[in-house]
All heavy atoms as atom14 arrays in JSON, in Angstrom:
{
  "sequence": "HFADGRRGIRELVREDSLQKASTAERLEFSRRY",
  "atom14_mask": [
    [1, 1, 1, 1, 1, 1, 1, 1, 1, 1, 0, 0, 0, 0],
    [1, 1, 1, 1, 1, 1, 1, 1, 1, 1, 1, 0, 0, 0],
    [1, 1, 1, 1, 1, 0, 0, 0, 0, 0, 0, 0, 0, 0],
    [1, 1, 1, 1, 1, 1, 1, 1, 0, 0, 0, 0, 0, 0],
    [1, 1, 1, 1, 0, 0, 0, 0, 0, 0, 0, 0, 0, 0],
    [1, 1, 1, 1, 1, 1, 1, 1, 1, 1, 1, 0, 0, 0],
    [1, 1, 1, 1, 1, 1, 1, 1, 1, 1, 1, 0, 0, 0],
    [1, 1, 1, 1, 0, 0, 0, 0, 0, 0, 0, 0, 0, 0],
    [1, 1, 1, 1, 1, 1, 1, 1, 0, 0, 0, 0, 0, 0],
    [1, 1, 1, 1, 1, 1, 1, 1, 1, 1, 1, 0, 0, 0],
    [1, 1, 1, 1, 1, 1, 1, 1, 1, 0, 0, 0, 0, 0],
    [1, 1, 1, 1, 1, 1, 1, 1, 0, 0, 0, 0, 0, 0],
    [1, 1, 1, 1, 1, 1, 1, 0, 0, 0, 0, 0, 0, 0],
    [1, 1, 1, 1, 1, 1, 1, 1, 1, 1, 1, 0, 0, 0],
    [1, 1, 1, 1, 1, 1, 1, 1, 1, 0, 0, 0, 0, 0],
    [1, 1, 1, 1, 1, 1, 1, 1, 0, 0, 0, 0, 0, 0],
    [1, 1, 1, 1, 1, 1, 0, 0, 0, 0, 0, 0, 0, 0],
    [1, 1, 1, 1, 1, 1, 1, 1, 0, 0, 0, 0, 0, 0],
    [1, 1, 1, 1, 1, 1, 1, 1, 1, 0, 0, 0, 0, 0],
    [1, 1, 1, 1, 1, 1, 1, 1, 1, 0, 0, 0, 0, 0],
    [1, 1, 1, 1, 1, 0, 0, 0, 0, 0, 0, 0, 0, 0],
    [1, 1, 1, 1, 1, 1, 0, 0, 0, 0, 0, 0, 0, 0],
    [1, 1, 1, 1, 1, 1, 1, 0, 0, 0, 0, 0, 0, 0],
    [1, 1, 1, 1, 1, 0, 0, 0, 0, 0, 0, 0, 0, 0],
    [1, 1, 1, 1, 1, 1, 1, 1, 1, 0, 0, 0, 0, 0],
    [1, 1, 1, 1, 1, 1, 1, 1, 1, 1, 1, 0, 0, 0],
    [1, 1, 1, 1, 1, 1, 1, 1, 0, 0, 0, 0, 0, 0],
    [1, 1, 1, 1, 1, 1, 1, 1, 1, 0, 0, 0, 0, 0],
    [1, 1, 1, 1, 1, 1, 1, 1, 1, 1, 1, 0, 0, 0],
    [1, 1, 1, 1, 1, 1, 0, 0, 0, 0, 0, 0, 0, 0],
    [1, 1, 1, 1, 1, 1, 1, 1, 1, 1, 1, 0, 0, 0],
    [1, 1, 1, 1, 1, 1, 1, 1, 1, 1, 1, 0, 0, 0],
    [1, 1, 1, 1, 1, 1, 1, 1, 1, 1, 1, 1, 0, 0]
  ],
  "atom14_positions": [
    [[0.89, -1.16, 0.0], [0.0, 0.0, 0.0], [0.92, 1.21, 0.0], [1.6, 1.47, 0.99], [-0.92, -0.01, 1.23], [-1.75, -1.25, 1.3], [-2.94, -1.37, 0.64], [-1.55, -2.42, 1.94], [-3.46, -2.58, 0.87], [-2.61, -3.22, 1.67], [0.0, 0.0, 0.0], [0.0, 0.0, 0.0], [0.0, 0.0, 0.0], [0.0, 0.0, 0.0]],
    [[0.97, 1.91, -1.14], [1.88, 3.03, -1.3], [1.35, 4.27, -0.58], [0.15, 4.41, -0.36], [2.08, 3.36, -2.78], [2.71, 2.24, -3.56], [2.03, 1.67, -4.62], [3.98, 1.77, -3.26], [2.6, 0.64, -5.36], [4.55, 0.76, -3.98], [3.86, 0.18, -5.05], [0.0, 0.0, 0.0], [0.0, 0.0, 0.0], [0.0, 0.0, 0.0]],
    [[2.25, 5.18, -0.26], [1.9, 6.41, 0.44], [0.95, 7.28, -0.38], [0.16, 8.04, 0.18], [3.16, 7.2, 0.8], [0.0, 0.0, 0.0], [0.0, 0.0, 0.0], [0.0, 0.0, 0.0], [0.0, 0.0, 0.0], [0.0, 0.0, 0.0], [0.0, 0.0, 0.0], [0.0, 0.0, 0.0], [0.0, 0.0, 0.0], [0.0, 0.0, 0.0]],
    [[0.99, 7.15, -1.71], [0.11, 7.96, -2.56], [-1.24, 7.3, -2.84], [-2.01, 7.77, -3.67], [0.81, 8.31, -3.88], [1.13, 7.09, -4.73], [0.77, 5.96, -4.35], [1.77, 7.28, -5.79], [0.0, 0.0, 0.0], [0.0, 0.0, 0.0], [0.0, 0.0, 0.0], [0.0, 0.0, 0.0], [0.0, 0.0, 0.0], [0.0, 0.0, 0.0]],
    [[-1.54, 6.19, -2.16], [-2.84, 5.53, -2.3], [-2.89, 4.38, -3.29], [-3.87, 3.64, -3.33], [0.0, 0.0, 0.0], [0.0, 0.0, 0.0], [0.0, 0.0, 0.0], [0.0, 0.0, 0.0], [0.0, 0.0, 0.0], [0.0, 0.0, 0.0], [0.0, 0.0, 0.0], [0.0, 0.0, 0.0], [0.0, 0.0, 0.0], [0.0, 0.0, 0.0]],
    [[-1.86, 4.21, -4.1], [-1.84, 3.1, -5.05], [-1.5, 1.8, -4.32], [-1.1, 1.81, -3.17], [-0.8, 3.36, -6.14], [-1.07, 4.57, -6.99], [0.03, 4.83, -8.02], [1.35, 4.88, -7.41], [2.38, 4.09, -7.73], [2.26, 3.2, -8.7], [3.54, 4.19, -7.12], [0.0, 0.0, 0.0], [0.0, 0.0, 0.0], [0.0, 0.0, 0.0]],
    [[-1.67, 0.68, -5.05], [-1.32, -0.63, -4.51], [-0.39, -1.33, -5.5], [-0.51, -1.15, -6.7], [-2.56, -1.48, -4.28], [-3.46, -0.9, -3.23], [-4.68, -1.71, -2.86], [-5.12, -2.68, -3.82], [-5.68, -3.86, -3.49], [-5.85, -4.16, -2.23], [-6.08, -4.69, -4.41], [0.0, 0.0, 0.0], [0.0, 0.0, 0.0], [0.0, 0.0, 0.0]],
    [[0.5, -2.15, -4.96], [1.43, -2.88, -5.81], [1.74, -4.26, -5.26], [1.49, -4.55, -4.1], [0.0, 0.0, 0.0], [0.0, 0.0, 0.0], [0.0, 0.0, 0.0], [0.0, 0.0, 0.0], [0.0, 0.0, 0.0], [0.0, 0.0, 0.0], [0.0, 0.0, 0.0], [0.0, 0.0, 0.0], [0.0, 0.0, 0.0], [0.0, 0.0, 0.0]],
    [[2.26, -5.09, -6.14], [2.61, -6.47, -5.79], [4.12, -6.63, -5.96], [4.7, -6.1, -6.9], [1.92, -7.46, -6.76], [0.42, -7.31, -6.69], [2.35, -8.9, -6.47], [-0.16, -7.53, -5.34], [0.0, 0.0, 0.0], [0.0, 0.0, 0.0], [0.0, 0.0, 0.0], [0.0, 0.0, 0.0], [0.0, 0.0, 0.0], [0.0, 0.0, 0.0]],
    [[4.73, -7.4, -5.07], [6.12, -7.79, -5.22], [6.19, -9.3, -5.02], [5.75, -9.83, -4.0], [7.02, -7.11, -4.19], [7.09, -5.61, -4.32], [7.7, -5.18, -5.65], [7.84, -3.75, -5.76], [6.9, -2.93, -6.23], [5.75, -3.4, -6.63], [7.13, -1.63, -6.32], [0.0, 0.0, 0.0], [0.0, 0.0, 0.0], [0.0, 0.0, 0.0]],
    [[6.72, -9.98, -6.04], [6.94, -11.42, -5.98], [8.44, -11.65, -5.91], [9.2, -11.13, -6.73], [6.37, -12.11, -7.22], [4.86, -12.05, -7.35], [4.11, -12.93, -6.38], [4.74, -13.55, -5.49], [2.89, -13.01, -6.49], [0.0, 0.0, 0.0], [0.0, 0.0, 0.0], [0.0, 0.0, 0.0], [0.0, 0.0, 0.0], [0.0, 0.0, 0.0]],
    [[8.89, -12.4, -4.92], [10.3, -12.72, -4.76], [10.64, -13.99, -5.53], [9.93, -14.99, -5.41], [10.64, -12.92, -3.28], [10.28, -11.78, -2.33], [10.7, -12.12, -0.91], [10.9, -10.48, -2.77], [0.0, 0.0, 0.0], [0.0, 0.0, 0.0], [0.0, 0.0, 0.0], [0.0, 0.0, 0.0], [0.0, 0.0, 0.0], [0.0, 0.0, 0.0]],
    [[11.69, -13.93, -6.34], [12.1, -15.09, -7.14], [13.61, -15.23, -7.02], [14.35, -14.27, -7.24], [11.72, -14.91, -8.63], [12.23, -16.07, -9.46], [10.22, -14.77, -8.78], [0.0, 0.0, 0.0], [0.0, 0.0, 0.0], [0.0, 0.0, 0.0], [0.0, 0.0, 0.0], [0.0, 0.0, 0.0], [0.0, 0.0, 0.0], [0.0, 0.0, 0.0]],
    [[14.06, -16.43, -6.68], [15.5, -16.7, -6.64], [16.07, -16.63, -8.05], [15.45, -17.13, -8.99], [15.77, -18.08, -6.06], [15.6, -18.15, -4.56], [15.8, -19.56, -4.05], [16.95, -20.23, -4.66], [18.01, -20.64, -3.98], [18.07, -20.48, -2.68], [19.0, -21.24, -4.59], [0.0, 0.0, 0.0], [0.0, 0.0, 0.0], [0.0, 0.0, 0.0]],
    [[17.23, -16.01, -8.19], [17.86, -15.86, -9.5], [18.05, -17.2, -10.21], [17.86, -17.29, -11.42], [19.21, -15.17, -9.37], [19.11, -13.71, -9.07], [20.47, -13.05, -8.91], [21.47, -13.75, -8.64], [20.52, -11.83, -9.05], [0.0, 0.0, 0.0], [0.0, 0.0, 0.0], [0.0, 0.0, 0.0], [0.0, 0.0, 0.0], [0.0, 0.0, 0.0]],
    [[18.4, -18.24, -9.47], [18.66, -19.54, -10.1], [17.41, -20.29, -10.52], [17.48, -21.3, -11.2], [19.53, -20.42, -9.2], [18.87, -20.76, -7.87], [17.86, -20.13, -7.51], [19.39, -21.66, -7.17], [0.0, 0.0, 0.0], [0.0, 0.0, 0.0], [0.0, 0.0, 0.0], [0.0, 0.0, 0.0], [0.0, 0.0, 0.0], [0.0, 0.0, 0.0]],
    [[16.22, -19.79, -10.16], [14.99, -20.45, -10.59], [14.24, -19.67, -11.65], [13.19, -20.09, -12.12], [14.07, -20.69, -9.38], [13.56, -19.46, -8.91], [0.0, 0.0, 0.0], [0.0, 0.0, 0.0], [0.0, 0.0, 0.0], [0.0, 0.0, 0.0], [0.0, 0.0, 0.0], [0.0, 0.0, 0.0], [0.0, 0.0, 0.0], [0.0, 0.0, 0.0]],
    [[14.8, -18.55, -12.09], [14.11, -17.69, -13.04], [13.9, -18.36, -14.4], [12.92, -18.08, -15.07], [14.89, -16.38, -13.21], [14.14, -15.24, -13.85], [12.84, -14.94, -13.12], [15.01, -14.0, -13.89], [0.0, 0.0, 0.0], [0.0, 0.0, 0.0], [0.0, 0.0, 0.0], [0.0, 0.0, 0.0], [0.0, 0.0, 0.0], [0.0, 0.0, 0.0]],
    [[14.77, -19.25, -14.79], [14.66, -19.91, -16.09], [13.76, -21.15, -16.06], [13.51, -21.74, -17.1], [16.05, -20.3, -16.6], [16.97, -19.13, -16.82], [16.45, -18.19, -17.9], [15.92, -18.61, -18.9], [16.6, -16.89, -17.67], [0.0, 0.0, 0.0], [0.0, 0.0, 0.0], [0.0, 0.0, 0.0], [0.0, 0.0, 0.0], [0.0, 0.0, 0.0]],
    [[13.26, -21.53, -14.9], [12.43, -22.73, -14.79], [11.01, -22.44, -15.26], [10.44, -21.39, -14.96], [12.39, -23.21, -13.34], [13.72, -23.7, -12.83], [13.59, -24.17, -11.4], [14.92, -24.64, -10.85], [14.8, -25.05, -9.45], [0.0, 0.0, 0.0], [0.0, 0.0, 0.0], [0.0, 0.0, 0.0], [0.0, 0.0, 0.0], [0.0, 0.0, 0.0]],
    [[10.44, -23.41, -15.97], [9.06, -23.27, -16.46], [8.08, -23.12, -15.3], [7.12, -22.34, -15.38], [8.69, -24.48, -17.32], [0.0, 0.0, 0.0], [0.0, 0.0, 0.0], [0.0, 0.0, 0.0], [0.0, 0.0, 0.0], [0.0, 0.0, 0.0], [0.0, 0.0, 0.0], [0.0, 0.0, 0.0], [0.0, 0.0, 0.0], [0.0, 0.0, 0.0]],
    [[8.32, -23.82, -14.19], [7.41, -23.75, -13.05], [7.39, -22.34, -12.44], [6.34, -21.86, -12.01], [7.79, -24.77, -11.97], [9.09, -24.53, -11.49], [0.0, 0.0, 0.0], [0.0, 0.0, 0.0], [0.0, 0.0, 0.0], [0.0, 0.0, 0.0], [0.0, 0.0, 0.0], [0.0, 0.0, 0.0], [0.0, 0.0, 0.0], [0.0, 0.0, 0.0]],
    [[8.53, -21.67, -12.44], [8.6, -20.3, -11.93], [7.81, -19.37, -12.83], [7.03, -18.53, -12.36], [10.05, -19.82, -11.81], [10.75, -20.69, -10.91], [10.14, -18.4, -11.31], [0.0, 0.0, 0.0], [0.0, 0.0, 0.0], [0.0, 0.0, 0.0], [0.0, 0.0, 0.0], [0.0, 0.0, 0.0], [0.0, 0.0, 0.0], [0.0, 0.0, 0.0]],
    [[7.99, -19.51, -14.13], [7.24, -18.68, -15.09], [5.74, -18.91, -14.94], [4.95, -17.96, -14.98], [7.69, -18.99, -16.51], [0.0, 0.0, 0.0], [0.0, 0.0, 0.0], [0.0, 0.0, 0.0], [0.0, 0.0, 0.0], [0.0, 0.0, 0.0], [0.0, 0.0, 0.0], [0.0, 0.0, 0.0], [0.0, 0.0, 0.0], [0.0, 0.0, 0.0]],
    [[5.32, -20.15, -14.75], [3.89, -20.44, -14.58], [3.35, -19.82, -13.3], [2.26, -19.26, -13.3], [3.66, -21.96, -14.58], [3.82, -22.58, -15.94], [3.72, -24.09, -15.9], [4.25, -24.71, -14.96], [3.11, -24.65, -16.83], [0.0, 0.0, 0.0], [0.0, 0.0, 0.0], [0.0, 0.0, 0.0], [0.0, 0.0, 0.0], [0.0, 0.0, 0.0]],
    [[4.1, -19.89, -12.22], [3.65, -19.29, -10.96], [3.54, -17.78, -11.1], [2.58, -17.16, -10.61], [4.59, -19.67, -9.81], [4.42, -21.09, -9.36], [5.06, -21.36, -8.01], [6.33, -20.72, -7.79], [7.52, -21.29, -7.99], [7.58, -22.52, -8.41], [8.62, -20.63, -7.75], [0.0, 0.0, 0.0], [0.0, 0.0, 0.0], [0.0, 0.0, 0.0]],
    [[4.5, -17.16, -11.76], [4.45, -15.71, -11.96], [3.27, -15.32, -12.86], [2.61, -14.32, -12.63], [5.77, -15.2, -12.53], [6.94, -15.22, -11.57], [8.23, -14.87, -12.29], [6.7, -14.3, -10.39], [0.0, 0.0, 0.0], [0.0, 0.0, 0.0], [0.0, 0.0, 0.0], [0.0, 0.0, 0.0], [0.0, 0.0, 0.0], [0.0, 0.0, 0.0]],
    [[3.0, -16.12, -13.87], [1.85, -15.86, -14.74], [0.54, -16.03, -13.96], [-0.4, -15.27, -14.13], [1.88, -16.77, -15.97], [0.68, -16.63, -16.88], [0.51, -15.24, -17.49], [1.43, -14.4, -17.43], [-0.58, -14.98, -18.05], [0.0, 0.0, 0.0], [0.0, 0.0, 0.0], [0.0, 0.0, 0.0], [0.0, 0.0, 0.0], [0.0, 0.0, 0.0]],
    [[0.49, -17.03, -13.12], [-0.67, -17.26, -12.24], [-0.94, -16.01, -11.41], [-2.06, -15.5, -11.36], [-0.36, -18.46, -11.34], [-1.53, -19.03, -10.61], [-2.25, -20.07, -11.15], [-1.89, -18.54, -9.36], [-3.32, -20.62, -10.46], [-2.95, -19.08, -8.67], [-3.68, -20.13, -9.22], [0.0, 0.0, 0.0], [0.0, 0.0, 0.0], [0.0, 0.0, 0.0]],
    [[0.1, -15.48, -10.79], [-0.01, -14.27, -9.98], [-0.41, -13.07, -10.83], [-1.3, -12.29, -10.46], [1.31, -14.0, -9.27], [1.26, -12.79, -8.55], [0.0, 0.0, 0.0], [0.0, 0.0, 0.0], [0.0, 0.0, 0.0], [0.0, 0.0, 0.0], [0.0, 0.0, 0.0], [0.0, 0.0, 0.0], [0.0, 0.0, 0.0], [0.0, 0.0, 0.0]],
    [[0.23, -12.9, -11.99], [-0.06, -11.76, -12.85], [-1.53, -11.74, -13.29], [-2.19, -10.72, -13.27], [0.84, -11.78, -14.09], [0.7, -10.53, -14.96], [1.19, -10.77, -16.37], [0.4, -11.71, -17.11], [-0.78, -11.45, -17.67], [-1.32, -10.26, -17.56], [-1.42, -12.37, -18.34], [0.0, 0.0, 0.0], [0.0, 0.0, 0.0], [0.0, 0.0, 0.0]],
    [[-2.05, -12.9, -13.65], [-3.45, -12.97, -14.08], [-4.41, -12.59, -12.96], [-5.4, -11.92, -13.19], [-3.79, -14.37, -14.58], [-3.19, -14.69, -15.91], [-3.6, -16.05, -16.37], [-2.82, -16.43, -17.53], [-3.01, -17.56, -18.18], [-3.94, -18.42, -17.8], [-2.26, -17.84, -19.22], [0.0, 0.0, 0.0], [0.0, 0.0, 0.0], [0.0, 0.0, 0.0]],
    [[-4.1, -13.04, -11.77], [-4.98, -12.72, -10.64], [-5.01, -11.21, -10.4], [-6.06, -10.59, -10.31], [-4.53, -13.44, -9.37], [-5.4, -13.1, -8.19], [-6.64, -13.7, -8.05], [-5.0, -12.17, -7.25], [-7.46, -13.38, -6.98], [-5.8, -11.84, -6.18], [-7.03, -12.45, -6.05], [-7.84, -12.13, -4.99], [0.0, 0.0, 0.0], [0.0, 0.0, 0.0]]
  ]
}
């Protein structure tokens, strides 16, 4: 919850898992929601 009233999401991803298909699917799952 930003000071200016906006809202944002932060997803933490380990650098070594960024190339994995499962990581991409989880991030897409989150993005769609």
